[in-house]
Amino acid sequence: MAGDPVTGHAPADRARARAAGAERRARLGELLVAARQGDSAALDAIVAELTPVLWHTARNQGLSSQAAEDVVQTTWLTLLRRLDTIAAPGALIEWLVTTARREAWRVSAASRKDDLPGDDVFDDLPDGVLTPDELLVNDERRRALWQAVESLPKRCAELLRIIAFVPRPHYDAVAAALDMPLGSIGPTRGRCFAKLRLVLAKDPDWSPR
């Protein structure tokens, strides 16, 4: 079936993504209600699931990794202060993404030592980054990817985790971290990626786009 000429996704893929997004919103809304009632485990589950989404939201604004981590922490603190003020629990993701973006804009403006505009200005700014729905789809893909990585043999999973989080890993550092011969890292990396591609190819819900 031909994909959408803009997104590259087939209609069935988009339908599955919408259904998964709706189910996830409902589940997170239930967790928010439970957190309001004092269920700390529910709040922990929200934080664990949506921290990657918020981190990528902050990074999409051009912040460094450290600044993005600060934005995420501030976003969670804001949620704690306003836990009872979110009118629609099912809109928790949008609320958090908007809060993270505004905090990222504030941090970015402060780093340039410019005057910070008021919040009403942000409402009119053109948004050229990913929407909450797109962030959710990307996050689902990342979750599927890491599940596939974790299904690989331990050495492959360890190697791919290091390569993923270090832009240009030095093989001597990788060799020391994993206690591997320096000359074996390149070939092992290639074999691990090949295994990962096979695992993902068998996943009916996996799409590279």
N, C-alpha and C. Protein backbone atom coordinates (compact mmCIF):
# COMPACT_ATOMS: atom_id res chain seq x y z
N MET A 1 0.85 -1.20 0.00
CA MET A 1 0.00 0.00 0.00
C MET A 1 0.89 1.24 0.00
N ALA A 2 0.58 2.21 -0.85
CA ALA A 2 1.42 3.40 -0.98
C ALA A 2 1.34 4.22 0.29
N GLY A 3 2.48 4.82 0.63
CA GLY A 3 2.52 5.65 1.82
C GLY A 3 2.12 7.07 1.51
N ASP A 4 1.90 7.84 2.54
CA ASP A 4 1.59 9.25 2.40
C ASP A 4 2.78 9.96 1.77
N PRO A 5 2.59 10.79 0.71
CA PRO A 5 3.73 11.43 0.05
C PRO A 5 4.45 12.41 0.95
N VAL A 6 3.82 12.87 2.02
CA VAL A 6 4.48 13.82 2.92
C VAL A 6 5.18 13.11 4.05
N THR A 7 4.46 12.20 4.75
CA THR A 7 5.02 11.56 5.93
C THR A 7 5.75 10.27 5.61
N GLY A 8 5.39 9.63 4.49
CA GLY A 8 5.99 8.34 4.18
C GLY A 8 5.30 7.19 4.87
N HIS A 9 4.27 7.44 5.69
CA HIS A 9 3.57 6.40 6.41
C HIS A 9 2.36 5.92 5.61
N ALA A 10 2.11 4.61 5.62
CA ALA A 10 0.90 4.06 5.02
C ALA A 10 -0.27 4.38 5.93
N PRO A 11 -1.53 4.42 5.37
CA PRO A 11 -2.70 4.71 6.20
C PRO A 11 -2.83 3.78 7.39
N ALA A 12 -2.52 2.49 7.21
CA ALA A 12 -2.61 1.55 8.32
C ALA A 12 -1.64 1.91 9.43
N ASP A 13 -0.44 2.35 9.04
CA ASP A 13 0.55 2.76 10.05
C ASP A 13 0.04 3.96 10.83
N ARG A 14 -0.56 4.93 10.12
CA ARG A 14 -1.06 6.12 10.80
C ARG A 14 -2.21 5.76 11.73
N ALA A 15 -3.07 4.84 11.29
CA ALA A 15 -4.20 4.42 12.12
C ALA A 15 -3.71 3.75 13.39
N ARG A 16 -2.70 2.88 13.26
CA ARG A 16 -2.14 2.22 14.44
C ARG A 16 -1.51 3.23 15.38
N ALA A 17 -0.81 4.22 14.79
CA ALA A 17 -0.16 5.24 15.61
C ALA A 17 -1.20 6.06 16.37
N ARG A 18 -2.30 6.41 15.68
CA ARG A 18 -3.36 7.19 16.35
C ARG A 18 -4.00 6.37 17.47
N ALA A 19 -4.26 5.10 17.21
CA ALA A 19 -4.88 4.24 18.23
C ALA A 19 -3.95 4.08 19.42
N ALA A 20 -2.65 3.87 19.15
CA ALA A 20 -1.68 3.72 20.24
C ALA A 20 -1.58 5.02 21.04
N GLY A 21 -1.63 6.15 20.33
CA GLY A 21 -1.55 7.44 21.01
C GLY A 21 -2.75 7.68 21.91
N ALA A 22 -3.95 7.32 21.41
CA ALA A 22 -5.16 7.50 22.22
C ALA A 22 -5.14 6.61 23.45
N GLU A 23 -4.70 5.38 23.26
CA GLU A 23 -4.62 4.44 24.40
C GLU A 23 -3.61 4.93 25.43
N ARG A 24 -2.49 5.44 24.92
CA ARG A 24 -1.46 5.92 25.84
C ARG A 24 -1.92 7.15 26.61
N ARG A 25 -2.63 8.06 25.94
CA ARG A 25 -3.16 9.24 26.62
C ARG A 25 -4.13 8.84 27.74
N ALA A 26 -4.99 7.89 27.42
CA ALA A 26 -5.97 7.44 28.42
C ALA A 26 -5.26 6.82 29.62
N ARG A 27 -4.27 6.00 29.35
CA ARG A 27 -3.54 5.34 30.45
C ARG A 27 -2.80 6.36 31.30
N LEU A 28 -2.15 7.33 30.66
CA LEU A 28 -1.43 8.35 31.41
C LEU A 28 -2.40 9.24 32.19
N GLY A 29 -3.58 9.48 31.60
CA GLY A 29 -4.59 10.25 32.33
C GLY A 29 -5.02 9.54 33.60
N GLU A 30 -5.18 8.22 33.53
CA GLU A 30 -5.54 7.44 34.71
C GLU A 30 -4.42 7.50 35.75
N LEU A 31 -3.19 7.45 35.29
CA LEU A 31 -2.06 7.55 36.22
C LEU A 31 -2.03 8.92 36.90
N LEU A 32 -2.37 9.97 36.14
CA LEU A 32 -2.39 11.31 36.73
C LEU A 32 -3.45 11.40 37.82
N VAL A 33 -4.62 10.84 37.56
CA VAL A 33 -5.69 10.85 38.56
C VAL A 33 -5.22 10.12 39.81
N ALA A 34 -4.57 8.99 39.62
CA ALA A 34 -4.07 8.22 40.76
C ALA A 34 -3.00 9.01 41.52
N ALA A 35 -2.13 9.71 40.78
CA ALA A 35 -1.09 10.51 41.42
C ALA A 35 -1.70 11.62 42.26
N ARG A 36 -2.78 12.22 41.77
CA ARG A 36 -3.47 13.26 42.54
C ARG A 36 -4.01 12.72 43.86
N GLN A 37 -4.31 11.44 43.87
CA GLN A 37 -4.85 10.81 45.07
C GLN A 37 -3.75 10.29 45.99
N GLY A 38 -2.51 10.64 45.68
CA GLY A 38 -1.40 10.28 46.54
C GLY A 38 -0.66 9.02 46.18
N ASP A 39 -0.92 8.45 44.99
CA ASP A 39 -0.25 7.23 44.56
C ASP A 39 1.12 7.60 43.98
N SER A 40 2.17 7.44 44.76
CA SER A 40 3.52 7.82 44.31
C SER A 40 4.00 6.92 43.19
N ALA A 41 3.56 5.66 43.18
CA ALA A 41 3.98 4.75 42.11
C ALA A 41 3.42 5.22 40.77
N ALA A 42 2.22 5.77 40.78
CA ALA A 42 1.63 6.28 39.53
C ALA A 42 2.44 7.46 39.01
N LEU A 43 2.84 8.34 39.92
CA LEU A 43 3.66 9.48 39.50
C LEU A 43 5.01 9.02 38.98
N ASP A 44 5.61 8.03 39.64
CA ASP A 44 6.88 7.49 39.17
C ASP A 44 6.75 6.91 37.77
N ALA A 45 5.62 6.26 37.51
CA ALA A 45 5.41 5.67 36.18
C ALA A 45 5.29 6.74 35.11
N ILE A 46 4.63 7.85 35.44
CA ILE A 46 4.52 8.96 34.49
C ILE A 46 5.91 9.53 34.18
N VAL A 47 6.68 9.75 35.23
CA VAL A 47 8.02 10.32 35.05
C VAL A 47 8.89 9.40 34.21
N ALA A 48 8.86 8.11 34.51
CA ALA A 48 9.69 7.15 33.78
C ALA A 48 9.32 7.10 32.30
N GLU A 49 8.02 7.17 32.02
CA GLU A 49 7.58 7.02 30.63
C GLU A 49 7.78 8.28 29.80
N LEU A 50 7.58 9.45 30.39
CA LEU A 50 7.59 10.67 29.59
C LEU A 50 8.88 11.49 29.68
N THR A 51 9.80 11.11 30.55
CA THR A 51 11.07 11.84 30.60
C THR A 51 11.78 11.85 29.24
N PRO A 52 11.86 10.71 28.52
CA PRO A 52 12.52 10.78 27.20
C PRO A 52 11.84 11.74 26.24
N VAL A 53 10.50 11.80 26.28
CA VAL A 53 9.77 12.72 25.40
C VAL A 53 10.15 14.16 25.73
N LEU A 54 10.19 14.48 27.02
CA LEU A 54 10.50 15.85 27.43
C LEU A 54 11.96 16.19 27.13
N TRP A 55 12.84 15.23 27.30
CA TRP A 55 14.26 15.48 27.02
C TRP A 55 14.45 15.81 25.54
N HIS A 56 13.80 15.06 24.67
CA HIS A 56 13.92 15.34 23.23
C HIS A 56 13.22 16.65 22.87
N THR A 57 12.16 16.99 23.57
CA THR A 57 11.50 18.28 23.35
C THR A 57 12.47 19.41 23.64
N ALA A 58 13.18 19.32 24.76
CA ALA A 58 14.15 20.36 25.12
C ALA A 58 15.32 20.39 24.14
N ARG A 59 15.80 19.23 23.75
CA ARG A 59 16.92 19.17 22.81
C ARG A 59 16.53 19.74 21.45
N ASN A 60 15.27 19.57 21.06
CA ASN A 60 14.80 20.10 19.78
C ASN A 60 14.84 21.62 19.74
N GLN A 61 14.94 22.25 20.91
CA GLN A 61 15.05 23.70 20.97
C GLN A 61 16.52 24.16 20.90
N GLY A 62 17.43 23.23 20.69
CA GLY A 62 18.84 23.58 20.52
C GLY A 62 19.64 23.63 21.81
N LEU A 63 19.11 23.09 22.90
CA LEU A 63 19.81 23.12 24.18
C LEU A 63 20.84 22.00 24.26
N SER A 64 21.84 22.20 25.10
CA SER A 64 22.82 21.16 25.36
C SER A 64 22.17 20.05 26.18
N SER A 65 22.87 18.93 26.30
CA SER A 65 22.33 17.82 27.09
C SER A 65 22.09 18.23 28.53
N GLN A 66 23.04 18.95 29.12
CA GLN A 66 22.90 19.37 30.51
C GLN A 66 21.74 20.34 30.68
N ALA A 67 21.63 21.31 29.76
CA ALA A 67 20.52 22.27 29.84
C ALA A 67 19.19 21.56 29.64
N ALA A 68 19.16 20.57 28.75
CA ALA A 68 17.92 19.81 28.53
C ALA A 68 17.52 19.05 29.79
N GLU A 69 18.50 18.48 30.48
CA GLU A 69 18.20 17.78 31.73
C GLU A 69 17.63 18.73 32.77
N ASP A 70 18.17 19.95 32.82
CA ASP A 70 17.64 20.95 33.76
C ASP A 70 16.20 21.32 33.42
N VAL A 71 15.93 21.45 32.13
CA VAL A 71 14.56 21.77 31.69
C VAL A 71 13.60 20.66 32.09
N VAL A 72 14.01 19.42 31.89
CA VAL A 72 13.16 18.29 32.25
C VAL A 72 12.87 18.29 33.75
N GLN A 73 13.90 18.53 34.55
CA GLN A 73 13.72 18.55 36.00
C GLN A 73 12.75 19.67 36.40
N THR A 74 12.92 20.84 35.80
CA THR A 74 12.02 21.95 36.11
C THR A 74 10.59 21.64 35.69
N THR A 75 10.43 20.95 34.56
CA THR A 75 9.10 20.58 34.09
C THR A 75 8.41 19.66 35.09
N TRP A 76 9.14 18.68 35.61
CA TRP A 76 8.54 17.78 36.59
C TRP A 76 8.21 18.50 37.89
N LEU A 77 9.05 19.43 38.29
CA LEU A 77 8.76 20.21 39.50
C LEU A 77 7.50 21.06 39.30
N THR A 78 7.36 21.60 38.09
CA THR A 78 6.16 22.39 37.78
C THR A 78 4.91 21.51 37.85
N LEU A 79 5.02 20.28 37.34
CA LEU A 79 3.88 19.37 37.41
C LEU A 79 3.51 19.09 38.87
N LEU A 80 4.50 18.87 39.71
CA LEU A 80 4.21 18.61 41.11
C LEU A 80 3.47 19.77 41.75
N ARG A 81 3.87 21.00 41.40
CA ARG A 81 3.22 22.18 41.98
C ARG A 81 1.79 22.35 41.45
N ARG A 82 1.55 21.89 40.23
CA ARG A 82 0.25 22.12 39.58
C ARG A 82 -0.50 20.82 39.31
N LEU A 83 -0.23 19.81 40.10
CA LEU A 83 -0.79 18.49 39.86
C LEU A 83 -2.31 18.51 39.77
N ASP A 84 -2.94 19.36 40.56
CA ASP A 84 -4.41 19.39 40.62
C ASP A 84 -5.03 20.41 39.67
N THR A 85 -4.21 21.08 38.87
CA THR A 85 -4.75 22.15 38.04
C THR A 85 -4.93 21.76 36.58
N ILE A 86 -4.52 20.56 36.19
CA ILE A 86 -4.67 20.12 34.79
C ILE A 86 -6.10 19.68 34.60
N ALA A 87 -6.85 20.46 33.83
CA ALA A 87 -8.30 20.24 33.69
C ALA A 87 -8.61 18.91 33.02
N ALA A 88 -7.83 18.54 32.01
CA ALA A 88 -8.10 17.31 31.27
C ALA A 88 -6.92 16.36 31.45
N PRO A 89 -7.04 15.35 32.32
CA PRO A 89 -5.91 14.42 32.52
C PRO A 89 -5.40 13.79 31.23
N GLY A 90 -6.32 13.59 30.25
CA GLY A 90 -5.90 13.00 28.99
C GLY A 90 -5.00 13.90 28.17
N ALA A 91 -4.93 15.17 28.55
CA ALA A 91 -4.06 16.13 27.85
C ALA A 91 -2.73 16.31 28.59
N LEU A 92 -2.39 15.38 29.46
CA LEU A 92 -1.16 15.51 30.24
C LEU A 92 0.07 15.65 29.35
N ILE A 93 0.12 14.87 28.28
CA ILE A 93 1.31 14.91 27.41
C ILE A 93 1.47 16.30 26.81
N GLU A 94 0.37 16.85 26.26
CA GLU A 94 0.45 18.18 25.65
C GLU A 94 0.85 19.23 26.69
N TRP A 95 0.30 19.10 27.90
CA TRP A 95 0.62 20.05 28.96
C TRP A 95 2.11 20.01 29.29
N LEU A 96 2.64 18.81 29.42
CA LEU A 96 4.06 18.67 29.77
C LEU A 96 4.96 19.15 28.63
N VAL A 97 4.60 18.80 27.39
CA VAL A 97 5.42 19.23 26.25
C VAL A 97 5.43 20.75 26.14
N THR A 98 4.27 21.38 26.31
CA THR A 98 4.19 22.84 26.25
C THR A 98 5.02 23.47 27.37
N THR A 99 4.92 22.91 28.57
CA THR A 99 5.69 23.43 29.70
C THR A 99 7.18 23.29 29.45
N ALA A 100 7.60 22.15 28.92
CA ALA A 100 9.02 21.93 28.64
C ALA A 100 9.52 22.87 27.56
N ARG A 101 8.71 23.10 26.53
CA ARG A 101 9.13 24.01 25.46
C ARG A 101 9.30 25.43 25.98
N ARG A 102 8.35 25.87 26.80
CA ARG A 102 8.44 27.23 27.31
C ARG A 102 9.66 27.39 28.24
N GLU A 103 9.91 26.37 29.03
CA GLU A 103 11.10 26.43 29.89
C GLU A 103 12.37 26.40 29.05
N ALA A 104 12.36 25.62 27.97
CA ALA A 104 13.52 25.58 27.08
C ALA A 104 13.75 26.94 26.42
N TRP A 105 12.65 27.60 26.00
CA TRP A 105 12.79 28.94 25.43
C TRP A 105 13.37 29.90 26.47
N ARG A 106 12.90 29.78 27.73
CA ARG A 106 13.39 30.67 28.79
C ARG A 106 14.88 30.46 29.02
N VAL A 107 15.29 29.20 29.10
CA VAL A 107 16.69 28.89 29.32
C VAL A 107 17.54 29.37 28.14
N SER A 108 17.05 29.15 26.93
CA SER A 108 17.79 29.58 25.74
C SER A 108 17.94 31.10 25.72
N ALA A 109 16.85 31.81 26.04
CA ALA A 109 16.90 33.27 26.05
C ALA A 109 17.85 33.77 27.14
N ALA A 110 17.80 33.13 28.31
CA ALA A 110 18.67 33.55 29.41
C ALA A 110 20.14 33.32 29.06
N SER A 111 20.42 32.23 28.34
CA SER A 111 21.81 31.95 27.97
C SER A 111 22.36 32.97 27.00
N ARG A 112 21.47 33.59 26.23
CA ARG A 112 21.90 34.64 25.31
C ARG A 112 21.88 36.02 25.97
N LYS A 113 21.45 36.03 27.24
CA LYS A 113 21.38 37.27 28.02
C LYS A 113 20.49 38.30 27.33
N ASP A 114 19.44 37.81 26.69
CA ASP A 114 18.46 38.71 26.08
C ASP A 114 17.32 38.92 27.07
N ASP A 115 16.52 39.95 26.81
CA ASP A 115 15.32 40.14 27.61
C ASP A 115 14.32 39.04 27.28
N LEU A 116 13.76 38.45 28.30
CA LEU A 116 12.82 37.37 28.12
C LEU A 116 11.42 37.92 27.87
N PRO A 117 10.77 37.59 26.77
CA PRO A 117 9.40 38.05 26.52
C PRO A 117 8.42 37.36 27.45
N GLY A 118 7.23 37.89 27.54
CA GLY A 118 6.21 37.29 28.38
C GLY A 118 5.66 36.02 27.76
N ASP A 119 4.94 35.24 28.60
CA ASP A 119 4.40 33.97 28.13
C ASP A 119 3.44 34.16 26.96
N ASP A 120 2.73 35.32 26.90
CA ASP A 120 1.76 35.52 25.83
C ASP A 120 2.45 35.59 24.47
N VAL A 121 3.72 35.99 24.45
CA VAL A 121 4.45 36.04 23.18
C VAL A 121 4.66 34.63 22.65
N PHE A 122 4.90 33.67 23.55
CA PHE A 122 5.18 32.30 23.12
C PHE A 122 3.99 31.71 22.37
N ASP A 123 2.77 32.14 22.75
CA ASP A 123 1.58 31.58 22.12
C ASP A 123 1.52 31.89 20.64
N ASP A 124 2.17 32.96 20.22
CA ASP A 124 2.10 33.38 18.83
C ASP A 124 3.32 32.97 18.01
N LEU A 125 4.29 32.31 18.65
CA LEU A 125 5.49 31.93 17.92
C LEU A 125 5.20 30.76 16.99
N PRO A 126 5.74 30.82 15.76
CA PRO A 126 5.58 29.66 14.88
C PRO A 126 6.34 28.47 15.43
N ASP A 127 5.73 27.29 15.35
CA ASP A 127 6.33 26.10 15.92
C ASP A 127 6.83 25.21 14.79
N GLY A 128 8.15 25.17 14.61
CA GLY A 128 8.72 24.37 13.55
C GLY A 128 9.25 23.05 14.02
N VAL A 129 8.96 22.66 15.28
CA VAL A 129 9.46 21.40 15.81
C VAL A 129 8.33 20.39 15.85
N LEU A 130 8.61 19.23 16.39
CA LEU A 130 7.64 18.15 16.38
C LEU A 130 6.44 18.44 17.28
N THR A 131 5.27 18.01 16.82
CA THR A 131 4.05 18.14 17.62
C THR A 131 4.05 17.04 18.69
N PRO A 132 3.19 17.17 19.71
CA PRO A 132 3.10 16.10 20.71
C PRO A 132 2.79 14.74 20.09
N ASP A 133 1.90 14.71 19.08
CA ASP A 133 1.61 13.44 18.42
C ASP A 133 2.85 12.85 17.75
N GLU A 134 3.61 13.71 17.08
CA GLU A 134 4.83 13.24 16.42
C GLU A 134 5.86 12.79 17.44
N LEU A 135 5.95 13.51 18.56
CA LEU A 135 6.85 13.09 19.63
C LEU A 135 6.45 11.72 20.17
N LEU A 136 5.15 11.49 20.31
CA LEU A 136 4.68 10.20 20.81
C LEU A 136 5.04 9.07 19.84
N VAL A 137 4.82 9.31 18.54
CA VAL A 137 5.16 8.30 17.56
C VAL A 137 6.65 8.00 17.60
N ASN A 138 7.47 9.05 17.66
CA ASN A 138 8.92 8.85 17.72
C ASN A 138 9.32 8.12 19.00
N ASP A 139 8.64 8.46 20.10
CA ASP A 139 8.96 7.81 21.36
C ASP A 139 8.59 6.34 21.32
N GLU A 140 7.45 6.01 20.67
CA GLU A 140 7.06 4.62 20.53
C GLU A 140 8.12 3.86 19.72
N ARG A 141 8.63 4.52 18.68
CA ARG A 141 9.68 3.88 17.86
C ARG A 141 10.94 3.65 18.69
N ARG A 142 11.30 4.66 19.50
CA ARG A 142 12.50 4.50 20.35
C ARG A 142 12.31 3.36 21.34
N ARG A 143 11.11 3.27 21.91
CA ARG A 143 10.84 2.19 22.87
C ARG A 143 10.95 0.84 22.19
N ALA A 144 10.38 0.72 20.97
CA ALA A 144 10.47 -0.54 20.23
C ALA A 144 11.93 -0.86 19.89
N LEU A 145 12.68 0.19 19.53
CA LEU A 145 14.09 -0.01 19.19
C LEU A 145 14.87 -0.54 20.38
N TRP A 146 14.65 0.09 21.55
CA TRP A 146 15.42 -0.34 22.73
C TRP A 146 14.97 -1.70 23.23
N GLN A 147 13.71 -2.03 23.04
CA GLN A 147 13.27 -3.39 23.38
C GLN A 147 14.00 -4.40 22.51
N ALA A 148 14.16 -4.05 21.23
CA ALA A 148 14.90 -4.94 20.32
C ALA A 148 16.35 -5.04 20.74
N VAL A 149 16.95 -3.92 21.12
CA VAL A 149 18.35 -3.93 21.57
C VAL A 149 18.51 -4.84 22.79
N GLU A 150 17.56 -4.72 23.74
CA GLU A 150 17.65 -5.52 24.96
C GLU A 150 17.46 -7.01 24.69
N SER A 151 16.85 -7.36 23.56
CA SER A 151 16.65 -8.77 23.24
C SER A 151 17.91 -9.41 22.65
N LEU A 152 18.89 -8.59 22.30
CA LEU A 152 20.13 -9.10 21.71
C LEU A 152 21.01 -9.72 22.80
N PRO A 153 22.02 -10.48 22.41
CA PRO A 153 22.98 -10.98 23.40
C PRO A 153 23.57 -9.82 24.20
N LYS A 154 23.94 -10.10 25.44
CA LYS A 154 24.37 -9.06 26.37
C LYS A 154 25.47 -8.19 25.80
N ARG A 155 26.47 -8.78 25.18
CA ARG A 155 27.60 -7.99 24.65
C ARG A 155 27.12 -7.03 23.57
N CYS A 156 26.23 -7.49 22.69
CA CYS A 156 25.70 -6.61 21.65
C CYS A 156 24.90 -5.46 22.27
N ALA A 157 24.05 -5.79 23.23
CA ALA A 157 23.23 -4.75 23.86
C ALA A 157 24.11 -3.70 24.53
N GLU A 158 25.14 -4.12 25.23
CA GLU A 158 26.05 -3.17 25.89
C GLU A 158 26.76 -2.29 24.87
N LEU A 159 27.25 -2.90 23.81
CA LEU A 159 27.98 -2.16 22.79
C LEU A 159 27.08 -1.13 22.11
N LEU A 160 25.87 -1.53 21.73
CA LEU A 160 24.97 -0.61 21.03
C LEU A 160 24.51 0.51 21.94
N ARG A 161 24.33 0.25 23.24
CA ARG A 161 23.96 1.32 24.16
C ARG A 161 25.05 2.38 24.23
N ILE A 162 26.30 1.96 24.29
CA ILE A 162 27.41 2.92 24.36
C ILE A 162 27.49 3.72 23.06
N ILE A 163 27.40 3.03 21.93
CA ILE A 163 27.50 3.71 20.63
C ILE A 163 26.36 4.71 20.46
N ALA A 164 25.16 4.36 20.95
CA ALA A 164 24.00 5.23 20.77
C ALA A 164 24.13 6.53 21.52
N PHE A 165 24.73 6.49 22.71
CA PHE A 165 24.73 7.68 23.55
C PHE A 165 26.03 8.48 23.48
N VAL A 166 26.98 8.03 22.69
CA VAL A 166 28.23 8.77 22.50
C VAL A 166 28.34 9.11 21.03
N PRO A 167 28.34 10.42 20.66
CA PRO A 167 28.32 10.79 19.23
C PRO A 167 29.46 10.17 18.43
N ARG A 168 30.68 10.26 18.95
CA ARG A 168 31.84 9.68 18.25
C ARG A 168 32.66 8.89 19.26
N PRO A 169 32.21 7.70 19.60
CA PRO A 169 32.91 6.95 20.64
C PRO A 169 34.32 6.57 20.21
N HIS A 170 35.27 6.76 21.11
CA HIS A 170 36.64 6.32 20.86
C HIS A 170 36.71 4.83 21.13
N TYR A 171 37.20 4.08 20.18
CA TYR A 171 37.19 2.64 20.34
C TYR A 171 38.05 2.18 21.51
N ASP A 172 39.09 2.96 21.85
CA ASP A 172 39.90 2.54 23.00
C ASP A 172 39.09 2.65 24.29
N ALA A 173 38.23 3.70 24.38
CA ALA A 173 37.39 3.86 25.56
C ALA A 173 36.33 2.76 25.61
N VAL A 174 35.76 2.43 24.44
CA VAL A 174 34.77 1.36 24.38
C VAL A 174 35.40 0.03 24.76
N ALA A 175 36.60 -0.20 24.26
CA ALA A 175 37.30 -1.44 24.58
C ALA A 175 37.55 -1.56 26.08
N ALA A 176 37.92 -0.45 26.70
CA ALA A 176 38.17 -0.47 28.15
C ALA A 176 36.87 -0.69 28.92
N ALA A 177 35.79 -0.04 28.46
CA ALA A 177 34.51 -0.13 29.17
C ALA A 177 33.94 -1.54 29.10
N LEU A 178 34.13 -2.21 27.96
CA LEU A 178 33.51 -3.53 27.76
C LEU A 178 34.52 -4.67 27.87
N ASP A 179 35.77 -4.32 28.15
CA ASP A 179 36.83 -5.32 28.25
C ASP A 179 36.90 -6.16 26.98
N MET A 180 36.96 -5.45 25.84
CA MET A 180 37.02 -6.10 24.53
C MET A 180 38.34 -5.76 23.86
N PRO A 181 38.88 -6.67 23.04
CA PRO A 181 40.05 -6.32 22.23
C PRO A 181 39.71 -5.18 21.28
N LEU A 182 40.61 -4.22 21.15
CA LEU A 182 40.34 -3.04 20.34
C LEU A 182 39.95 -3.41 18.91
N GLY A 183 40.67 -4.39 18.34
CA GLY A 183 40.42 -4.74 16.95
C GLY A 183 39.11 -5.46 16.70
N SER A 184 38.46 -5.92 17.76
CA SER A 184 37.22 -6.67 17.57
C SER A 184 35.97 -5.79 17.62
N ILE A 185 36.14 -4.52 17.99
CA ILE A 185 34.96 -3.68 18.20
C ILE A 185 34.24 -3.42 16.88
N GLY A 186 34.98 -3.04 15.83
CA GLY A 186 34.35 -2.75 14.54
C GLY A 186 33.57 -3.94 14.00
N PRO A 187 34.20 -5.12 13.88
CA PRO A 187 33.46 -6.29 13.38
C PRO A 187 32.29 -6.67 14.28
N THR A 188 32.48 -6.58 15.60
CA THR A 188 31.38 -6.91 16.52
C THR A 188 30.23 -5.94 16.34
N ARG A 189 30.56 -4.66 16.18
CA ARG A 189 29.54 -3.64 15.95
C ARG A 189 28.71 -3.96 14.71
N GLY A 190 29.40 -4.35 13.62
CA GLY A 190 28.70 -4.69 12.39
C GLY A 190 27.78 -5.89 12.57
N ARG A 191 28.25 -6.91 13.27
CA ARG A 191 27.42 -8.10 13.50
C ARG A 191 26.22 -7.76 14.38
N CYS A 192 26.44 -6.90 15.37
CA CYS A 192 25.34 -6.53 16.28
C CYS A 192 24.27 -5.74 15.53
N PHE A 193 24.68 -4.83 14.66
CA PHE A 193 23.70 -4.08 13.88
C PHE A 193 22.92 -5.01 12.95
N ALA A 194 23.60 -6.00 12.39
CA ALA A 194 22.93 -6.95 11.52
C ALA A 194 21.87 -7.74 12.30
N LYS A 195 22.22 -8.16 13.53
CA LYS A 195 21.25 -8.88 14.37
C LYS A 195 20.08 -7.98 14.72
N LEU A 196 20.38 -6.71 15.00
CA LEU A 196 19.32 -5.77 15.36
C LEU A 196 18.35 -5.58 14.19
N ARG A 197 18.89 -5.46 12.99
CA ARG A 197 18.02 -5.30 11.81
C ARG A 197 17.11 -6.51 11.64
N LEU A 198 17.63 -7.70 11.90
CA LEU A 198 16.81 -8.91 11.77
C LEU A 198 15.68 -8.91 12.80
N VAL A 199 15.99 -8.51 14.03
CA VAL A 199 14.96 -8.46 15.07
C VAL A 199 13.88 -7.46 14.70
N LEU A 200 14.28 -6.28 14.25
CA LEU A 200 13.31 -5.25 13.89
C LEU A 200 12.48 -5.64 12.68
N ALA A 201 13.10 -6.36 11.74
CA ALA A 201 12.38 -6.78 10.53
C ALA A 201 11.24 -7.74 10.88
N LYS A 202 11.36 -8.45 12.01
CA LYS A 202 10.31 -9.40 12.41
C LYS A 202 9.24 -8.74 13.25
N ASP A 203 9.42 -7.46 13.61
CA ASP A 203 8.46 -6.77 14.44
C ASP A 203 7.43 -6.11 13.53
N PRO A 204 6.16 -6.55 13.54
CA PRO A 204 5.16 -5.98 12.63
C PRO A 204 4.83 -4.53 12.93
N ASP A 205 5.12 -4.08 14.13
CA ASP A 205 4.80 -2.69 14.51
C ASP A 205 5.96 -1.74 14.26
N TRP A 206 7.11 -2.27 13.85
CA TRP A 206 8.28 -1.41 13.67
C TRP A 206 8.25 -0.78 12.29
N SER A 207 8.51 0.53 12.28
CA SER A 207 8.64 1.26 11.02
C SER A 207 9.84 2.18 11.17
N PRO A 208 10.80 2.19 10.22
CA PRO A 208 11.96 3.07 10.34
C PRO A 208 11.61 4.52 10.22
N ARG A 209 10.38 4.85 9.83
CA ARG A 209 9.94 6.25 9.69
C ARG A 209 8.66 6.48 10.44
